[in-house]
Every structure is written in C-alpha cells, then in structure tokens.
Amino acid sequence: MLTQATPQTVLTLKNLKMNFGAKEVLKGVDLEAGRGEIIGYIGPNGAGKSTTVKIMLGLIEGYSGTVEILGEDIRNAGVGYKRHIGYVPETADLYDNLTAREYLTFIGELYGMTFEDADQKAQGLIELFGLKDVYNSRMTSFSKGMRQKVLLIASILHDPEILFLDEPLSGLDANSVMIVKELLEALARAGKTIFYSSHIMDVVEKISHRIVLLDGGHIVANGTFEDLKTLNHEGSLEAIFNQLTGFDTQSKTANQIMQIIQGVTRDD
C-alpha cells in the first residue's frame, strides 16, 4: 500500500444518476476523492464505470445529481476545468498520420501549453519511455505498447491535477509497467488525484489507497484494501470482487469450455 498524502477534497459526486433511454446505468452514486489519493475504481462490465468517468470528463450530458471538480460544479465550469485533467482511455484512436512529436505538441497546445514547452517536455518524456528514436516517426508504424506510451505521455504532459486511467498498463513491457507504478506513487506524493480503473485485480490491490467497487449502478464497497479484506476470508481483491458482484461460476464455466474444446458431451 502506498503512502497517502493528506486528503483535501478535489472531486465530489452527489446522487449521480444517468439513464440511456429506459436503461438506468447510474442509480445514485455518492463519492469523494481527495488530493493525493489513488482510487481503484473497479466493477464488472456494464456496472457504470466508464459512464461515471465520461460524465466527470464532460463527455456525457443529461445526468442528474452534482459533479464538482476542484470545488466547482462542472455544469457551470465551461471547459476550463478540463485543463486540470488527464485521461488515458481503454481504447483510443490516435491520429496515425501524425508523428509522435506532432501529436504530443498538438495535445499540449490544446491544454494551453506553448509549442516550445510542449515539445521540450514531450522530448524528455519520450526519451525516458524509450521512444527517442521514433519521436519524429508517424504513428502508423507504432506497436500497441508504443501507442500506449504516447497516450500516457499525453495524459501527463500538462501536469494535471486529476488523472483518469482506464487499463493504462495495456500492452506495456515489464520495465514500463514498473516505471508507471512508480510514477503513480510519485504523482500521488505530489498531490495528484488518480482514478485507476482496471480488471487486473492484483495491480489495483497494490497501488490503490482506496478501492471503490461499482456494481449495477451502485457503489457496493468503498474503503482501503484492509477494510475490504474483512468482507472475505480469502482476503484477495479478486475474491472480494466476486463475492460482492455475485460471480461464482468461474470454475464451472472453465470446465465447460474445456469440455467443448475436447469434444466431451456436457452434463448441465
């Protein structure tokens, strides 16, 4: 568990609800996040995680309830608050015909940086992530891991106050994974707030100050890993996740898959 900075609320959700047609995706989410906190934001597919994050990013409207970021209701904040946010989506379309340099300086300028400042920072970060030789190469030739590094650099280039990271380690090599984990700890020490969403439970368990589990549009758990361990005798985040979301068929399903592969008639 990382050392947590003194909390100071930077993000507040009050009775957040969201419907898509007749489907109620968020059913009254209440949550606060403090400065210097790493929040592990987890839940099964369809739980409402991405919807929550996209509302906070200002990408989805039509919600009810209140979202306050850095003390201001985002309904009244215009786009200014977005300059204090960094975001790595689970899947993202990069502008493949741009070079890494063109893309990163473009992103930097969108966040209000000068070209020169963005270029200087991007060059330094690109080198530290092992991409110095391809800084001026078009991203059509980049592997998944290289693209992920560019996305990570783009999310921190402007020194944001809040980071939203959705599966940020996807495609990264082992050394880069270690760098990112250390970086998250350093960002938290510097007072940055990090929302970390992943299906890799052991990573969430190790890096998070607090874990928030969303299921069916509700928060069903909110506490440190030590708090959550009291809910399950096995003590792993995966076991807690399965218990709280009611998923207990993994062994049966795996055996059924094996039967199909091996051509064995199943007994349901």
Protein backbone atom coordinates (compact mmCIF):
# COMPACT_ATOMS: atom_id res chain seq x y z
CA MET A 1 0.00 0.00 0.00
CA LEU A 2 1.33 3.42 -0.97
CA THR A 3 1.79 6.27 1.47
CA GLN A 4 -1.19 8.59 1.12
CA ALA A 5 -0.97 12.36 1.23
CA THR A 6 -3.23 14.40 3.49
CA PRO A 7 -6.67 14.34 1.81
CA GLN A 8 -8.25 17.51 0.52
CA THR A 9 -11.41 17.00 -1.49
CA VAL A 10 -10.92 17.72 -5.19
CA LEU A 11 -13.82 15.74 -6.62
CA THR A 12 -17.34 15.16 -5.35
CA LEU A 13 -20.23 13.17 -6.81
CA LYS A 14 -23.64 13.62 -5.20
CA ASN A 15 -26.57 11.36 -6.09
CA LEU A 16 -25.25 10.92 -9.63
CA LYS A 17 -27.79 9.23 -11.90
CA MET A 18 -27.73 8.51 -15.61
CA ASN A 19 -30.22 6.84 -17.95
CA PHE A 20 -29.75 5.80 -21.55
CA GLY A 21 -33.32 5.53 -22.74
CA ALA A 22 -35.09 3.12 -20.43
CA LYS A 23 -31.82 1.72 -19.10
CA GLU A 24 -30.76 3.12 -15.73
CA VAL A 25 -26.96 2.94 -15.71
CA LEU A 26 -26.11 5.00 -12.60
CA LYS A 27 -28.56 4.84 -9.71
CA GLY A 28 -27.33 7.43 -7.24
CA VAL A 29 -23.54 7.42 -6.89
CA ASP A 30 -22.05 9.38 -3.98
CA LEU A 31 -18.27 9.67 -3.90
CA GLU A 32 -15.47 11.98 -2.82
CA ALA A 33 -11.81 11.88 -3.82
CA GLY A 34 -9.02 13.70 -2.01
CA ARG A 35 -5.83 15.32 -3.19
CA GLY A 36 -3.03 12.78 -3.36
CA GLU A 37 -5.36 9.76 -3.42
CA ILE A 38 -5.17 6.83 -5.81
CA ILE A 39 -8.69 5.48 -6.21
CA GLY A 40 -9.03 1.97 -7.60
CA TYR A 41 -12.33 2.26 -9.49
CA ILE A 42 -13.49 -1.24 -10.39
CA GLY A 43 -16.59 -3.21 -11.32
CA PRO A 44 -17.89 -5.75 -13.83
CA ASN A 45 -18.58 -4.78 -17.44
CA GLY A 46 -21.74 -2.70 -17.62
CA ALA A 47 -21.52 -1.55 -14.00
CA GLY A 48 -21.31 2.13 -14.98
CA LYS A 49 -17.58 2.82 -14.52
CA SER A 50 -16.98 4.30 -17.97
CA THR A 51 -20.21 6.30 -17.79
CA THR A 52 -19.14 7.83 -14.47
CA VAL A 53 -15.73 8.79 -15.82
CA LYS A 54 -17.11 10.22 -19.07
CA ILE A 55 -19.55 12.38 -17.10
CA MET A 56 -16.67 13.72 -14.99
CA LEU A 57 -14.71 14.41 -18.17
CA GLY A 58 -17.65 16.35 -19.61
CA LEU A 59 -18.13 13.87 -22.46
CA ILE A 60 -21.66 12.86 -21.45
CA GLU A 61 -24.53 15.18 -20.56
CA GLY A 62 -28.09 14.51 -19.43
CA TYR A 63 -27.21 13.21 -15.97
CA SER A 64 -28.88 14.22 -12.72
CA GLY A 65 -27.11 14.95 -9.48
CA THR A 66 -23.98 17.01 -8.91
CA VAL A 67 -20.39 16.66 -10.11
CA GLU A 68 -17.90 19.05 -8.53
CA ILE A 69 -14.27 19.15 -9.61
CA LEU A 70 -11.79 21.39 -7.82
CA GLY A 71 -14.68 22.98 -5.95
CA GLU A 72 -16.77 23.91 -8.99
CA ASP A 73 -19.91 22.32 -10.43
CA ILE A 74 -18.86 21.21 -13.91
CA ARG A 75 -22.24 22.31 -15.30
CA ASN A 76 -21.13 25.90 -14.68
CA ALA A 77 -17.41 25.47 -15.26
CA GLY A 78 -17.26 25.63 -19.04
CA VAL A 79 -14.26 23.79 -20.47
CA GLY A 80 -11.68 25.45 -18.22
CA TYR A 81 -11.66 22.67 -15.63
CA LYS A 82 -10.61 20.16 -18.29
CA ARG A 83 -7.15 21.73 -18.40
CA HIS A 84 -6.61 20.21 -14.94
CA ILE A 85 -7.50 16.67 -16.08
CA GLY A 86 -5.51 13.95 -17.81
CA TYR A 87 -7.14 10.89 -19.37
CA VAL A 88 -5.99 7.55 -20.75
CA PRO A 89 -9.00 5.70 -22.22
CA GLU A 90 -9.13 1.92 -22.51
CA THR A 91 -9.21 2.23 -26.29
CA ALA A 92 -8.21 5.34 -28.18
CA ASP A 93 -7.77 6.30 -31.80
CA LEU A 94 -4.52 8.15 -32.31
CA TYR A 95 -4.03 10.35 -35.34
CA ASP A 96 -1.92 7.75 -37.11
CA ASN A 97 -0.71 10.05 -39.86
CA LEU A 98 0.89 12.35 -37.32
CA THR A 99 4.31 11.81 -35.85
CA ALA A 100 4.58 11.36 -32.09
CA ARG A 101 6.02 14.87 -31.94
CA GLU A 102 3.14 16.38 -33.90
CA TYR A 103 0.55 14.56 -31.79
CA LEU A 104 2.04 15.42 -28.41
CA THR A 105 2.66 19.08 -29.21
CA PHE A 106 -0.90 19.30 -30.58
CA ILE A 107 -2.28 17.84 -27.33
CA GLY A 108 -0.08 20.17 -25.29
CA GLU A 109 -1.37 23.22 -27.15
CA LEU A 110 -4.97 22.07 -26.62
CA TYR A 111 -4.23 22.21 -22.89
CA GLY A 112 -2.87 25.76 -23.18
CA MET A 113 0.84 25.00 -23.40
CA THR A 114 3.11 26.77 -25.86
CA PHE A 115 4.50 24.66 -28.68
CA GLU A 116 8.03 25.09 -27.34
CA ASP A 117 7.10 23.99 -23.81
CA ALA A 118 5.09 21.02 -25.04
CA ASP A 119 7.89 19.97 -27.40
CA GLN A 120 10.57 20.20 -24.71
CA LYS A 121 8.55 18.19 -22.19
CA ALA A 122 7.46 15.64 -24.78
CA GLN A 123 11.04 15.04 -25.92
CA GLY A 124 12.16 14.42 -22.36
CA LEU A 125 9.28 12.05 -21.61
CA ILE A 126 9.59 10.21 -24.91
CA GLU A 127 13.26 9.53 -24.17
CA LEU A 128 12.50 8.23 -20.66
CA PHE A 129 9.87 5.88 -22.09
CA GLY A 130 12.39 4.51 -24.61
CA LEU A 131 10.90 6.11 -27.73
CA LYS A 132 13.55 8.71 -28.53
CA ASP A 133 14.35 7.20 -31.92
CA VAL A 134 10.72 7.36 -33.12
CA TYR A 135 9.75 10.82 -31.84
CA ASN A 136 9.59 12.09 -35.42
CA SER A 137 8.11 8.90 -36.88
CA ARG A 138 4.50 8.54 -37.97
CA MET A 139 2.47 6.52 -35.51
CA THR A 140 1.13 4.18 -38.19
CA SER A 141 4.25 2.10 -37.55
CA PHE A 142 3.84 2.01 -33.75
CA SER A 143 3.10 -1.17 -31.81
CA LYS A 144 0.33 -1.28 -29.21
CA GLY A 145 2.83 -0.74 -26.42
CA MET A 146 4.38 2.26 -28.16
CA ARG A 147 0.93 3.78 -28.69
CA GLN A 148 0.11 3.24 -25.02
CA LYS A 149 3.27 5.10 -24.00
CA VAL A 150 2.27 8.04 -26.21
CA LEU A 151 -1.18 8.09 -24.61
CA LEU A 152 0.35 8.06 -21.13
CA ILE A 153 2.71 10.90 -22.03
CA ALA A 154 -0.19 12.90 -23.49
CA SER A 155 -2.15 12.47 -20.25
CA ILE A 156 0.58 13.93 -18.01
CA LEU A 157 2.28 16.41 -20.35
CA HIS A 158 0.34 19.40 -18.97
CA ASP A 159 0.86 18.46 -15.29
CA PRO A 160 -2.83 17.80 -14.49
CA GLU A 161 -4.36 17.77 -11.00
CA ILE A 162 -6.56 14.73 -11.68
CA LEU A 163 -5.77 11.66 -13.79
CA PHE A 164 -8.31 9.17 -15.10
CA LEU A 165 -6.56 5.97 -16.19
CA ASP A 166 -8.50 3.12 -17.80
CA GLU A 167 -6.32 0.00 -18.21
CA PRO A 168 -3.20 2.18 -18.54
CA LEU A 169 -0.77 -0.76 -18.47
CA SER A 170 -2.31 -2.45 -21.50
CA GLY A 171 0.40 -3.51 -23.96
CA LEU A 172 3.32 -2.21 -21.92
CA ASP A 173 6.50 -4.23 -21.43
CA ALA A 174 7.53 -5.28 -17.91
CA ASN A 175 10.02 -2.44 -17.42
CA SER A 176 7.48 0.19 -18.47
CA VAL A 177 4.89 -1.31 -16.12
CA MET A 178 7.31 -0.84 -13.22
CA ILE A 179 8.02 2.73 -14.29
CA VAL A 180 4.32 3.59 -14.44
CA LYS A 181 3.66 2.09 -11.00
CA GLU A 182 6.50 4.17 -9.52
CA LEU A 183 5.24 7.20 -11.42
CA LEU A 184 1.76 6.84 -9.92
CA GLU A 185 3.27 6.80 -6.45
CA ALA A 186 5.30 9.93 -7.24
CA LEU A 187 2.24 11.70 -8.68
CA ALA A 188 0.24 10.89 -5.55
CA ARG A 189 3.03 12.26 -3.34
CA ALA A 190 2.91 15.43 -5.43
CA GLY A 191 -0.78 15.80 -4.60
CA LYS A 192 -2.30 14.48 -7.80
CA THR A 193 -5.59 12.56 -7.61
CA ILE A 194 -5.73 9.38 -9.68
CA PHE A 195 -8.76 7.34 -10.72
CA TYR A 196 -7.36 3.96 -11.73
CA SER A 197 -9.71 1.52 -13.48
CA SER A 198 -8.56 -1.99 -14.37
CA HIS A 199 -9.66 -5.60 -14.43
CA ILE A 200 -6.21 -6.67 -13.19
CA MET A 201 -7.12 -7.03 -9.55
CA ASP A 202 -3.64 -7.58 -8.13
CA VAL A 203 -2.42 -4.27 -9.59
CA VAL A 204 -5.44 -2.38 -8.23
CA GLU A 205 -4.88 -4.03 -4.85
CA LYS A 206 -1.23 -2.96 -4.70
CA ILE A 207 -1.39 0.61 -5.93
CA SER A 208 -4.69 1.93 -4.54
CA HIS A 209 -5.13 3.96 -1.40
CA ARG A 210 -8.85 3.32 -1.60
CA ILE A 211 -10.91 0.90 -3.67
CA VAL A 212 -14.40 1.75 -4.95
CA LEU A 213 -16.44 -1.13 -6.34
CA LEU A 214 -19.36 -0.25 -8.58
CA ASP A 215 -21.99 -2.87 -9.41
CA GLY A 216 -25.34 -2.38 -11.08
CA GLY A 217 -25.05 1.40 -10.95
CA HIS A 218 -24.43 1.45 -7.18
CA ILE A 219 -21.26 1.67 -5.08
CA VAL A 220 -21.20 -1.62 -3.14
CA ALA A 221 -17.81 -1.14 -1.47
CA ASN A 222 -15.66 1.88 -0.68
CA GLY A 223 -12.59 1.60 1.53
CA THR A 224 -8.95 0.64 1.82
CA PHE A 225 -7.95 -2.87 0.84
CA GLU A 226 -7.51 -3.63 4.53
CA ASP A 227 -11.12 -2.53 5.10
CA LEU A 228 -12.38 -4.66 2.24
CA LYS A 229 -10.44 -7.74 3.41
CA THR A 230 -12.81 -8.04 6.36
CA LEU A 231 -15.58 -8.86 3.86
CA ASN A 232 -13.98 -12.09 2.62
CA HIS A 233 -11.99 -14.75 4.45
CA GLU A 234 -9.74 -15.38 1.42
CA GLY A 235 -8.50 -11.81 1.63
CA SER A 236 -7.75 -11.22 -2.08
CA LEU A 237 -9.35 -8.38 -4.03
CA GLU A 238 -10.44 -10.86 -6.69
CA ALA A 239 -12.32 -12.93 -4.09
CA ILE A 240 -13.90 -9.78 -2.62
CA PHE A 241 -14.89 -8.62 -6.12
CA ASN A 242 -16.51 -11.96 -6.90
CA GLN A 243 -18.33 -12.07 -3.58
CA LEU A 244 -19.79 -8.57 -3.85
CA THR A 245 -20.79 -8.90 -7.51
CA GLY A 246 -22.24 -12.40 -7.05
CA PHE A 247 -19.91 -14.07 -9.55
CA ASP A 248 -19.07 -17.63 -8.51
CA THR A 249 -19.27 -19.68 -11.71
CA GLN A 250 -15.71 -19.27 -12.97
CA SER A 251 -14.65 -22.87 -12.25
CA LYS A 252 -17.78 -24.37 -13.77
CA THR A 253 -17.50 -22.20 -16.89
CA ALA A 254 -13.80 -23.03 -17.35
CA ASN A 255 -14.59 -26.76 -17.12
CA GLN A 256 -17.40 -26.39 -19.67
CA ILE A 257 -15.04 -24.60 -22.06
CA MET A 258 -12.55 -27.46 -21.69
CA GLN A 259 -15.29 -29.99 -22.44
CA ILE A 260 -16.19 -28.20 -25.65
CA ILE A 261 -12.53 -27.97 -26.72
CA GLN A 262 -12.03 -31.67 -26.04
CA GLY A 263 -15.29 -32.71 -27.68
CA VAL A 264 -16.81 -34.02 -24.47
CA THR A 265 -20.58 -34.04 -24.08
CA ARG A 266 -21.55 -31.64 -21.30
CA ASP A 267 -23.74 -32.53 -18.37
CA ASP A 268 -25.53 -29.31 -17.39
